[in-house]
Amino acid sequence: MILRCFFFLLLGLAPFFADARLITQMKDGALLVKSATYQETEELFRQYKYEGFSEINSRFPRIYFLRLPTDWAEIPESDDKHRVFIKILLPLILQANENVLKERSWLEDMRQKTKSGRQLTAAEQKKLEELAQKYDAFTRLKGTERIAVQLKLLLEKADTVPPSLLAATAGIYSNWGTSRLALQANSLYLQEIWYEKQGLEPLDDHDADYRYKIYGNLAEGIADHILKINSSINYNYLRVSRTNSRKMGRPLYGPQVAATMMLDNNLKNIAGMIDYTFSYYKLQNADYKPQLEDIK
């Protein structure tokens, strides 16, 4: 009798156990997904009418995944799985770009202030120095000349990166989220740290002087990669192209700068793989005025 009651109790609790892996939190108009299975991820997208990403002027709900679905490695590779991967990443990429634009807006305000003949406050100068260090905007000049050069350099660096480029390279570098780095370190872009013991050790070279960075969530890794693109000399061509596009009032499309990826990794035919991914998934359309929408 006791066993029978226990059996029916388990049956009654089964729906709760089935949903136990889905952990979400609403915050500031966004849905933070702390844990979800692949099926639960698809159901969330349907619930919030997040259907695709290949149309121009696409709108993306603020659904932010902290990590890939818990059973991601168990899901067979397919076109649908790759599309889910892209849909997970794009809101995170757009959020990261949004944060960069906030920094850029502040820099533009500071440039306008200096052009009008006003001096920056001590707090503003401190923040400017911090951003210059963050983006590696180096100058030996002092005083007002230093501030002018820093603002010029930073406005060339602190800007958005094409979402299509970030999504395509994440898919290629991480083997669509199935790599050891993606699953264990929330790392999609092969980011390395040198001469430190922290991080994931390369499996094929135990004596290497580098480790792979470990991130607390996917958003941290994406933001770090955007910072690398915005500061490393390897991506100077991308930044020049972006500045020119901005002057002409045009968005920068990923296919325009895919070749720059060849300077920062040793993958063979990386530009060709990126171009194929752009074309197959029509990713470049995500670069044209994408909009993040609050969850209501």
C-alpha atoms as a PDB file:
ATOM      1  CA  MET A   1       0.000   0.000   0.000  1.00  0.00           C
ATOM      2  CA  ILE A   2       2.802   2.383   0.926  1.00  0.00           C
ATOM      3  CA  LEU A   3       4.677   1.559  -2.278  1.00  0.00           C
ATOM      4  CA  ARG A   4       1.519   2.113  -4.321  1.00  0.00           C
ATOM      5  CA  CYS A   5       0.947   5.534  -2.720  1.00  0.00           C
ATOM      6  CA  PHE A   6       4.573   6.463  -3.334  1.00  0.00           C
ATOM      7  CA  PHE A   7       4.223   5.443  -6.987  1.00  0.00           C
ATOM      8  CA  PHE A   8       1.188   7.658  -7.517  1.00  0.00           C
ATOM      9  CA  LEU A   9       2.914  10.492  -5.654  1.00  0.00           C
ATOM     10  CA  LEU A  10       5.799  10.286  -8.118  1.00  0.00           C
ATOM     11  CA  LEU A  11       3.355  10.334 -11.021  1.00  0.00           C
ATOM     12  CA  GLY A  12       1.767  13.466  -9.620  1.00  0.00           C
ATOM     13  CA  LEU A  13       5.134  15.168  -9.258  1.00  0.00           C
ATOM     14  CA  ALA A  14       6.401  14.083 -12.670  1.00  0.00           C
ATOM     15  CA  PRO A  15       5.453  17.349 -14.457  1.00  0.00           C
ATOM     16  CA  PHE A  16       7.419  19.322 -11.861  1.00  0.00           C
ATOM     17  CA  PHE A  17      10.488  17.120 -12.279  1.00  0.00           C
ATOM     18  CA  ALA A  18      10.200  17.409 -16.056  1.00  0.00           C
ATOM     19  CA  ASP A  19      10.391  21.211 -15.822  1.00  0.00           C
ATOM     20  CA  ALA A  20      13.062  21.257 -13.120  1.00  0.00           C
ATOM     21  CA  ARG A  21      15.855  21.891 -15.610  1.00  0.00           C
ATOM     22  CA  LEU A  22      14.222  25.078 -16.915  1.00  0.00           C
ATOM     23  CA  ILE A  23      15.363  27.927 -14.678  1.00  0.00           C
ATOM     24  CA  THR A  24      14.548  31.480 -15.754  1.00  0.00           C
ATOM     25  CA  GLN A  25      14.408  34.940 -14.221  1.00  0.00           C
ATOM     26  CA  MET A  26      12.799  38.157 -15.438  1.00  0.00           C
ATOM     27  CA  LYS A  27      15.004  41.227 -15.027  1.00  0.00           C
ATOM     28  CA  ASP A  28      14.768  44.703 -16.576  1.00  0.00           C
ATOM     29  CA  GLY A  29      12.639  43.600 -19.513  1.00  0.00           C
ATOM     30  CA  ALA A  30      14.780  40.545 -20.239  1.00  0.00           C
ATOM     31  CA  LEU A  31      14.324  36.838 -19.663  1.00  0.00           C
ATOM     32  CA  LEU A  32      17.495  35.335 -18.197  1.00  0.00           C
ATOM     33  CA  VAL A  33      17.687  31.622 -18.956  1.00  0.00           C
ATOM     34  CA  LYS A  34      19.933  30.025 -16.366  1.00  0.00           C
ATOM     35  CA  SER A  35      19.255  26.435 -17.377  1.00  0.00           C
ATOM     36  CA  ALA A  36      17.200  24.800 -20.126  1.00  0.00           C
ATOM     37  CA  THR A  37      17.134  21.695 -22.266  1.00  0.00           C
ATOM     38  CA  TYR A  38      17.137  21.859 -26.055  1.00  0.00           C
ATOM     39  CA  GLN A  39      13.396  21.172 -26.187  1.00  0.00           C
ATOM     40  CA  GLU A  40      12.679  23.805 -23.549  1.00  0.00           C
ATOM     41  CA  THR A  41      14.759  26.279 -25.550  1.00  0.00           C
ATOM     42  CA  GLU A  42      12.651  25.683 -28.655  1.00  0.00           C
ATOM     43  CA  GLU A  43       9.478  26.043 -26.589  1.00  0.00           C
ATOM     44  CA  LEU A  44      10.689  29.371 -25.171  1.00  0.00           C
ATOM     45  CA  PHE A  45      11.342  30.667 -28.678  1.00  0.00           C
ATOM     46  CA  ARG A  46       7.840  29.657 -29.770  1.00  0.00           C
ATOM     47  CA  GLN A  47       6.303  31.189 -26.655  1.00  0.00           C
ATOM     48  CA  TYR A  48       7.914  34.568 -27.340  1.00  0.00           C
ATOM     49  CA  LYS A  49       7.422  34.327 -31.124  1.00  0.00           C
ATOM     50  CA  TYR A  50      11.154  34.303 -31.818  1.00  0.00           C
ATOM     51  CA  GLU A  51      10.903  32.740 -35.247  1.00  0.00           C
ATOM     52  CA  GLY A  52      13.985  33.672 -37.238  1.00  0.00           C
ATOM     53  CA  PHE A  53      16.882  35.990 -37.915  1.00  0.00           C
ATOM     54  CA  SER A  54      17.314  36.121 -41.685  1.00  0.00           C
ATOM     55  CA  GLU A  55      15.059  39.099 -42.432  1.00  0.00           C
ATOM     56  CA  ILE A  56      16.230  42.707 -42.553  1.00  0.00           C
ATOM     57  CA  ASN A  57      14.998  44.896 -39.694  1.00  0.00           C
ATOM     58  CA  SER A  58      14.628  41.729 -37.613  1.00  0.00           C
ATOM     59  CA  ARG A  59      13.407  42.039 -34.044  1.00  0.00           C
ATOM     60  CA  PHE A  60      14.880  39.913 -31.287  1.00  0.00           C
ATOM     61  CA  PRO A  61      13.322  39.306 -27.859  1.00  0.00           C
ATOM     62  CA  ARG A  62      15.627  39.900 -24.911  1.00  0.00           C
ATOM     63  CA  ILE A  63      16.100  36.222 -24.116  1.00  0.00           C
ATOM     64  CA  TYR A  64      19.567  35.873 -22.640  1.00  0.00           C
ATOM     65  CA  PHE A  65      20.975  32.374 -22.147  1.00  0.00           C
ATOM     66  CA  LEU A  66      23.708  32.092 -19.543  1.00  0.00           C
ATOM     67  CA  ARG A  67      24.956  28.898 -21.183  1.00  0.00           C
ATOM     68  CA  LEU A  68      24.025  26.472 -23.923  1.00  0.00           C
ATOM     69  CA  PRO A  69      21.205  23.961 -23.288  1.00  0.00           C
ATOM     70  CA  THR A  70      22.093  21.273 -20.765  1.00  0.00           C
ATOM     71  CA  ASP A  71      21.731  18.446 -23.289  1.00  0.00           C
ATOM     72  CA  TRP A  72      23.365  20.293 -26.194  1.00  0.00           C
ATOM     73  CA  ALA A  73      26.101  17.695 -26.732  1.00  0.00           C
ATOM     74  CA  GLU A  74      23.495  14.930 -26.967  1.00  0.00           C
ATOM     75  CA  ILE A  75      21.467  16.577 -29.752  1.00  0.00           C
ATOM     76  CA  PRO A  76      22.407  15.255 -33.230  1.00  0.00           C
ATOM     77  CA  GLU A  77      23.939  17.806 -35.576  1.00  0.00           C
ATOM     78  CA  SER A  78      21.394  19.296 -37.970  1.00  0.00           C
ATOM     79  CA  ASP A  79      20.461  22.499 -39.716  1.00  0.00           C
ATOM     80  CA  ASP A  80      17.753  23.097 -37.093  1.00  0.00           C
ATOM     81  CA  LYS A  81      20.276  22.752 -34.265  1.00  0.00           C
ATOM     82  CA  HIS A  82      22.579  25.275 -35.922  1.00  0.00           C
ATOM     83  CA  ARG A  83      19.696  27.724 -36.278  1.00  0.00           C
ATOM     84  CA  VAL A  84      18.848  27.335 -32.590  1.00  0.00           C
ATOM     85  CA  PHE A  85      22.512  28.038 -31.797  1.00  0.00           C
ATOM     86  CA  ILE A  86      22.380  31.253 -33.823  1.00  0.00           C
ATOM     87  CA  LYS A  87      19.097  32.273 -32.187  1.00  0.00           C
ATOM     88  CA  ILE A  88      20.605  31.754 -28.736  1.00  0.00           C
ATOM     89  CA  LEU A  89      23.598  33.933 -29.595  1.00  0.00           C
ATOM     90  CA  LEU A  90      22.075  36.859 -31.490  1.00  0.00           C
ATOM     91  CA  PRO A  91      20.270  38.517 -28.530  1.00  0.00           C
ATOM     92  CA  LEU A  92      23.477  38.193 -26.487  1.00  0.00           C
ATOM     93  CA  ILE A  93      25.510  39.695 -29.331  1.00  0.00           C
ATOM     94  CA  LEU A  94      23.079  42.581 -29.729  1.00  0.00           C
ATOM     95  CA  GLN A  95      23.149  43.217 -25.982  1.00  0.00           C
ATOM     96  CA  ALA A  96      26.954  43.326 -26.046  1.00  0.00           C
ATOM     97  CA  ASN A  97      26.873  45.771 -28.964  1.00  0.00           C
ATOM     98  CA  GLU A  98      24.306  47.826 -27.066  1.00  0.00           C
ATOM     99  CA  ASN A  99      26.733  48.137 -24.151  1.00  0.00           C
ATOM    100  CA  VAL A 100      29.534  49.244 -26.492  1.00  0.00           C
ATOM    101  CA  LEU A 101      27.246  51.913 -27.945  1.00  0.00           C
ATOM    102  CA  LYS A 102      26.670  53.294 -24.443  1.00  0.00           C
ATOM    103  CA  GLU A 103      30.421  53.791 -24.108  1.00  0.00           C
ATOM    104  CA  ARG A 104      30.548  55.326 -27.566  1.00  0.00           C
ATOM    105  CA  SER A 105      27.716  57.726 -26.741  1.00  0.00           C
ATOM    106  CA  TRP A 106      29.620  58.929 -23.677  1.00  0.00           C
ATOM    107  CA  LEU A 107      32.775  59.419 -25.779  1.00  0.00           C
ATOM    108  CA  GLU A 108      30.819  61.461 -28.322  1.00  0.00           C
ATOM    109  CA  ASP A 109      29.478  63.632 -25.504  1.00  0.00           C
ATOM    110  CA  MET A 110      33.031  64.197 -24.255  1.00  0.00           C
ATOM    111  CA  ARG A 111      34.242  65.086 -27.735  1.00  0.00           C
ATOM    112  CA  GLN A 112      31.426  67.588 -28.131  1.00  0.00           C
ATOM    113  CA  LYS A 113      32.244  69.050 -24.727  1.00  0.00           C
ATOM    114  CA  THR A 114      35.913  69.578 -25.611  1.00  0.00           C
ATOM    115  CA  LYS A 115      35.028  71.031 -29.019  1.00  0.00           C
ATOM    116  CA  SER A 116      32.873  73.627 -27.291  1.00  0.00           C
ATOM    117  CA  GLY A 117      35.892  74.725 -25.255  1.00  0.00           C
ATOM    118  CA  ARG A 118      34.866  73.171 -21.951  1.00  0.00           C
ATOM    119  CA  GLN A 119      37.242  71.087 -19.853  1.00  0.00           C
ATOM    120  CA  LEU A 120      36.565  67.558 -18.683  1.00  0.00           C
ATOM    121  CA  THR A 121      36.068  67.084 -14.965  1.00  0.00           C
ATOM    122  CA  ALA A 122      38.507  64.977 -12.962  1.00  0.00           C
ATOM    123  CA  ALA A 123      35.968  62.133 -12.917  1.00  0.00           C
ATOM    124  CA  GLU A 124      35.515  62.356 -16.694  1.00  0.00           C
ATOM    125  CA  GLN A 125      39.274  62.336 -17.280  1.00  0.00           C
ATOM    126  CA  LYS A 126      39.593  59.280 -15.035  1.00  0.00           C
ATOM    127  CA  LYS A 127      36.902  57.437 -16.992  1.00  0.00           C
ATOM    128  CA  LEU A 128      38.556  58.425 -20.267  1.00  0.00           C
ATOM    129  CA  GLU A 129      41.882  57.011 -19.065  1.00  0.00           C
ATOM    130  CA  GLU A 130      40.158  53.774 -18.053  1.00  0.00           C
ATOM    131  CA  LEU A 131      38.560  53.411 -21.489  1.00  0.00           C
ATOM    132  CA  ALA A 132      41.866  54.210 -23.185  1.00  0.00           C
ATOM    133  CA  GLN A 133      43.514  51.428 -21.221  1.00  0.00           C
ATOM    134  CA  LYS A 134      40.631  49.048 -21.932  1.00  0.00           C
ATOM    135  CA  TYR A 135      40.771  49.621 -25.706  1.00  0.00           C
ATOM    136  CA  ASP A 136      44.557  50.029 -25.898  1.00  0.00           C
ATOM    137  CA  ALA A 137      44.289  53.627 -27.151  1.00  0.00           C
ATOM    138  CA  PHE A 138      47.862  54.631 -26.367  1.00  0.00           C
ATOM    139  CA  THR A 139      49.449  58.071 -26.638  1.00  0.00           C
ATOM    140  CA  ARG A 140      52.432  59.760 -24.971  1.00  0.00           C
ATOM    141  CA  LEU A 141      50.901  63.212 -25.266  1.00  0.00           C
ATOM    142  CA  LYS A 142      49.824  65.206 -22.214  1.00  0.00           C
ATOM    143  CA  GLY A 143      47.115  67.689 -21.331  1.00  0.00           C
ATOM    144  CA  THR A 144      44.443  68.736 -23.829  1.00  0.00           C
ATOM    145  CA  GLU A 145      46.320  67.144 -26.739  1.00  0.00           C
ATOM    146  CA  ARG A 146      46.245  63.816 -24.932  1.00  0.00           C
ATOM    147  CA  ILE A 147      42.498  64.043 -24.407  1.00  0.00           C
ATOM    148  CA  ALA A 148      41.895  64.925 -28.069  1.00  0.00           C
ATOM    149  CA  VAL A 149      43.975  61.989 -29.318  1.00  0.00           C
ATOM    150  CA  GLN A 150      42.390  59.573 -26.855  1.00  0.00           C
ATOM    151  CA  LEU A 151      38.906  60.582 -27.960  1.00  0.00           C
ATOM    152  CA  LYS A 152      39.842  60.188 -31.630  1.00  0.00           C
ATOM    153  CA  LEU A 153      41.370  56.746 -31.102  1.00  0.00           C
ATOM    154  CA  LEU A 154      38.562  55.536 -28.886  1.00  0.00           C
ATOM    155  CA  LEU A 155      35.845  56.619 -31.311  1.00  0.00           C
ATOM    156  CA  GLU A 156      37.598  54.506 -33.942  1.00  0.00           C
ATOM    157  CA  LYS A 157      37.616  51.519 -31.607  1.00  0.00           C
ATOM    158  CA  ALA A 158      34.506  51.639 -29.413  1.00  0.00           C
ATOM    159  CA  ASP A 159      31.836  50.611 -31.889  1.00  0.00           C
ATOM    160  CA  THR A 160      29.625  47.670 -32.763  1.00  0.00           C
ATOM    161  CA  VAL A 161      30.776  44.498 -34.512  1.00  0.00           C
ATOM    162  CA  PRO A 162      28.518  42.936 -37.196  1.00  0.00           C
ATOM    163  CA  PRO A 163      26.252  40.377 -35.474  1.00  0.00           C
ATOM    164  CA  SER A 164      26.528  38.095 -38.498  1.00  0.00           C
ATOM    165  CA  LEU A 165      30.308  37.932 -38.134  1.00  0.00           C
ATOM    166  CA  LEU A 166      30.136  37.136 -34.423  1.00  0.00           C
ATOM    167  CA  ALA A 167      27.477  34.448 -34.884  1.00  0.00           C
ATOM    168  CA  ALA A 168      29.190  32.808 -37.862  1.00  0.00           C
ATOM    169  CA  THR A 169      32.636  32.689 -36.276  1.00  0.00           C
ATOM    170  CA  ALA A 170      31.191  31.356 -33.005  1.00  0.00           C
ATOM    171  CA  GLY A 171      29.607  28.492 -34.931  1.00  0.00           C
ATOM    172  CA  ILE A 172      32.823  27.696 -36.779  1.00  0.00           C
ATOM    173  CA  TYR A 173      35.274  28.099 -33.891  1.00  0.00           C
ATOM    174  CA  SER A 174      33.152  26.100 -31.416  1.00  0.00           C
ATOM    175  CA  ASN A 175      31.856  23.485 -33.883  1.00  0.00           C
ATOM    176  CA  TRP A 176      28.370  24.861 -33.286  1.00  0.00           C
ATOM    177  CA  GLY A 177      28.711  24.821 -29.526  1.00  0.00           C
ATOM    178  CA  THR A 178      29.862  21.211 -29.182  1.00  0.00           C
ATOM    179  CA  SER A 179      33.528  21.933 -28.434  1.00  0.00           C
ATOM    180  CA  ARG A 180      35.059  21.306 -25.026  1.00  0.00           C
ATOM    181  CA  LEU A 181      35.610  25.053 -24.607  1.00  0.00           C
ATOM    182  CA  ALA A 182      31.989  25.901 -25.366  1.00  0.00           C
ATOM    183  CA  LEU A 183      30.553  23.299 -23.006  1.00  0.00           C
ATOM    184  CA  GLN A 184      33.031  23.608 -20.137  1.00  0.00           C
ATOM    185  CA  ALA A 185      34.138  27.242 -20.344  1.00  0.00           C
ATOM    186  CA  ASN A 186      31.325  29.154 -22.122  1.00  0.00           C
ATOM    187  CA  SER A 187      34.042  30.058 -24.639  1.00  0.00           C
ATOM    188  CA  LEU A 188      33.023  30.277 -28.291  1.00  0.00           C
ATOM    189  CA  TYR A 189      36.002  32.150 -29.771  1.00  0.00           C
ATOM    190  CA  LEU A 190      39.152  30.275 -28.679  1.00  0.00           C
ATOM    191  CA  GLN A 191      40.242  33.140 -26.433  1.00  0.00           C
ATOM    192  CA  GLU A 192      43.647  32.439 -24.859  1.00  0.00           C
ATOM    193  CA  ILE A 193      45.512  33.693 -21.794  1.00  0.00           C
ATOM    194  CA  TRP A 194      49.291  33.412 -21.611  1.00  0.00           C
ATOM    195  CA  TYR A 195      51.643  32.456 -18.783  1.00  0.00           C
ATOM    196  CA  GLU A 196      48.825  31.831 -16.316  1.00  0.00           C
ATOM    197  CA  LYS A 197      47.697  28.605 -14.701  1.00  0.00           C
ATOM    198  CA  GLN A 198      44.022  29.538 -14.679  1.00  0.00           C
ATOM    199  CA  GLY A 199      41.964  28.358 -17.617  1.00  0.00           C
ATOM    200  CA  LEU A 200      41.502  25.151 -19.600  1.00  0.00           C
ATOM    201  CA  GLU A 201      44.683  23.377 -20.584  1.00  0.00           C
ATOM    202  CA  PRO A 202      45.067  22.509 -24.291  1.00  0.00           C
ATOM    203  CA  LEU A 203      44.537  18.767 -24.654  1.00  0.00           C
ATOM    204  CA  ASP A 204      47.110  18.398 -27.413  1.00  0.00           C
ATOM    205  CA  ASP A 205      49.927  20.341 -25.706  1.00  0.00           C
ATOM    206  CA  HIS A 206      50.303  19.941 -21.944  1.00  0.00           C
ATOM    207  CA  ASP A 207      53.512  21.995 -21.957  1.00  0.00           C
ATOM    208  CA  ALA A 208      51.929  25.002 -23.654  1.00  0.00           C
ATOM    209  CA  ASP A 209      52.453  28.458 -22.138  1.00  0.00           C
ATOM    210  CA  TYR A 210      48.812  29.386 -22.645  1.00  0.00           C
ATOM    211  CA  ARG A 211      45.398  28.346 -21.400  1.00  0.00           C
ATOM    212  CA  TYR A 212      41.928  28.884 -22.782  1.00  0.00           C
ATOM    213  CA  LYS A 213      39.839  31.445 -20.939  1.00  0.00           C
ATOM    214  CA  ILE A 214      36.948  30.293 -18.783  1.00  0.00           C
ATOM    215  CA  TYR A 215      33.883  32.565 -18.660  1.00  0.00           C
ATOM    216  CA  GLY A 216      31.087  32.697 -16.121  1.00  0.00           C
ATOM    217  CA  ASN A 217      28.505  32.826 -18.902  1.00  0.00           C
ATOM    218  CA  LEU A 218      28.168  33.182 -22.664  1.00  0.00           C
ATOM    219  CA  ALA A 219      27.730  36.959 -22.518  1.00  0.00           C
ATOM    220  CA  GLU A 220      31.148  37.428 -20.890  1.00  0.00           C
ATOM    221  CA  GLY A 221      32.877  35.532 -23.684  1.00  0.00           C
ATOM    222  CA  ILE A 222      31.060  37.463 -26.401  1.00  0.00           C
ATOM    223  CA  ALA A 223      31.882  40.826 -24.796  1.00  0.00           C
ATOM    224  CA  ASP A 224      35.529  39.809 -24.442  1.00  0.00           C
ATOM    225  CA  HIS A 225      35.753  38.852 -28.110  1.00  0.00           C
ATOM    226  CA  ILE A 226      34.168  42.144 -29.194  1.00  0.00           C
ATOM    227  CA  LEU A 227      36.763  43.960 -27.087  1.00  0.00           C
ATOM    228  CA  LYS A 228      39.514  41.972 -28.802  1.00  0.00           C
ATOM    229  CA  ILE A 229      38.175  42.940 -32.232  1.00  0.00           C
ATOM    230  CA  ASN A 230      37.954  46.566 -31.112  1.00  0.00           C
ATOM    231  CA  SER A 231      41.477  46.724 -29.717  1.00  0.00           C
ATOM    232  CA  SER A 232      43.782  44.200 -31.431  1.00  0.00           C
ATOM    233  CA  ILE A 233      45.966  45.329 -34.333  1.00  0.00           C
ATOM    234  CA  ASN A 234      44.854  42.204 -36.224  1.00  0.00           C
ATOM    235  CA  TYR A 235      41.427  43.764 -36.695  1.00  0.00           C
ATOM    236  CA  ASN A 236      42.545  47.215 -37.809  1.00  0.00           C
ATOM    237  CA  TYR A 237      41.140  46.697 -41.320  1.00  0.00           C
ATOM    238  CA  LEU A 238      37.734  45.880 -39.854  1.00  0.00           C
ATOM    239  CA  ARG A 239      37.776  49.056 -37.778  1.00  0.00           C
ATOM    240  CA  VAL A 240      38.817  51.219 -40.738  1.00  0.00           C
ATOM    241  CA  SER A 241      36.018  49.700 -42.837  1.00  0.00           C
ATOM    242  CA  ARG A 242      33.569  50.324 -40.010  1.00  0.00           C
ATOM    243  CA  THR A 243      34.618  53.966 -39.676  1.00  0.00           C
ATOM    244  CA  ASN A 244      34.183  54.487 -43.419  1.00  0.00           C
ATOM    245  CA  SER A 245      30.761  52.820 -43.368  1.00  0.00           C
ATOM    246  CA  ARG A 246      29.679  55.020 -40.475  1.00  0.00           C
ATOM    247  CA  LYS A 247      30.804  58.166 -42.329  1.00  0.00           C
ATOM    248  CA  MET A 248      28.638  57.094 -45.279  1.00  0.00           C
ATOM    249  CA  GLY A 249      25.697  56.335 -42.997  1.00  0.00           C
ATOM    250  CA  ARG A 250      25.732  52.631 -43.827  1.00  0.00           C
ATOM    251  CA  PRO A 251      25.853  49.566 -41.592  1.00  0.00           C
ATOM    252  CA  LEU A 252      28.951  47.393 -41.716  1.00  0.00           C
ATOM    253  CA  TYR A 253      28.071  43.948 -43.042  1.00  0.00           C
ATOM    254  CA  GLY A 254      29.922  40.850 -41.916  1.00  0.00           C
ATOM    255  CA  PRO A 255      30.815  39.662 -45.451  1.00  0.00           C
ATOM    256  CA  GLN A 256      32.738  42.913 -46.020  1.00  0.00           C
ATOM    257  CA  VAL A 257      35.275  42.058 -43.338  1.00  0.00           C
ATOM    258  CA  ALA A 258      35.257  38.251 -43.121  1.00  0.00           C
ATOM    259  CA  ALA A 259      38.798  38.123 -44.506  1.00  0.00           C
ATOM    260  CA  THR A 260      40.135  39.835 -41.361  1.00  0.00           C
ATOM    261  CA  MET A 261      39.551  36.593 -39.449  1.00  0.00           C
ATOM    262  CA  MET A 262      42.498  35.040 -41.301  1.00  0.00           C
ATOM    263  CA  LEU A 263      44.907  37.218 -39.306  1.00  0.00           C
ATOM    264  CA  ASP A 264      43.808  35.933 -35.926  1.00  0.00           C
ATOM    265  CA  ASN A 265      43.596  32.131 -36.168  1.00  0.00           C
ATOM    266  CA  ASN A 266      45.172  29.191 -37.925  1.00  0.00           C
ATOM    267  CA  LEU A 267      42.033  27.587 -39.311  1.00  0.00           C
ATOM    268  CA  LYS A 268      42.426  26.810 -42.995  1.00  0.00           C
ATOM    269  CA  ASN A 269      40.018  28.570 -45.357  1.00  0.00           C
ATOM    270  CA  ILE A 270      38.355  30.431 -42.487  1.00  0.00           C
ATOM    271  CA  ALA A 271      37.165  33.211 -44.807  1.00  0.00           C
ATOM    272  CA  GLY A 272      35.527  30.664 -47.113  1.00  0.00           C
ATOM    273  CA  MET A 273      33.798  28.916 -44.211  1.00  0.00           C
ATOM    274  CA  ILE A 274      32.490  32.224 -42.902  1.00  0.00           C
ATOM    275  CA  ASP A 275      31.235  33.277 -46.332  1.00  0.00           C
ATOM    276  CA  TYR A 276      29.431  29.949 -46.715  1.00  0.00           C
ATOM    277  CA  THR A 277      27.805  30.348 -43.297  1.00  0.00           C
ATOM    278  CA  PHE A 278      26.696  33.894 -44.168  1.00  0.00           C
ATOM    279  CA  SER A 279      25.156  32.712 -47.416  1.00  0.00           C
ATOM    280  CA  TYR A 280      23.528  29.516 -46.164  1.00  0.00           C
ATOM    281  CA  TYR A 281      21.847  31.097 -43.139  1.00  0.00           C
ATOM    282  CA  LYS A 282      21.362  34.582 -44.667  1.00  0.00           C
ATOM    283  CA  LEU A 283      23.105  35.934 -41.607  1.00  0.00           C
ATOM    284  CA  GLN A 284      24.124  39.241 -43.157  1.00  0.00           C
ATOM    285  CA  ASN A 285      20.508  40.415 -42.906  1.00  0.00           C
ATOM    286  CA  ALA A 286      20.918  40.434 -39.118  1.00  0.00           C
ATOM    287  CA  ASP A 287      23.366  43.336 -39.574  1.00  0.00           C
ATOM    288  CA  TYR A 288      20.724  45.701 -40.952  1.00  0.00           C
ATOM    289  CA  LYS A 289      19.120  47.621 -38.081  1.00  0.00           C
ATOM    290  CA  PRO A 290      18.416  44.673 -35.756  1.00  0.00           C
ATOM    291  CA  GLN A 291      16.228  45.580 -32.799  1.00  0.00           C
ATOM    292  CA  LEU A 292      16.162  44.099 -29.304  1.00  0.00           C
ATOM    293  CA  GLU A 293      12.680  44.050 -27.779  1.00  0.00           C
ATOM    294  CA  ASP A 294      11.843  43.954 -24.085  1.00  0.00           C
ATOM    295  CA  ILE A 295       9.968  40.930 -22.780  1.00  0.00           C
ATOM    296  CA  LYS A 296       6.515  41.958 -21.560  1.00  0.00           C
END
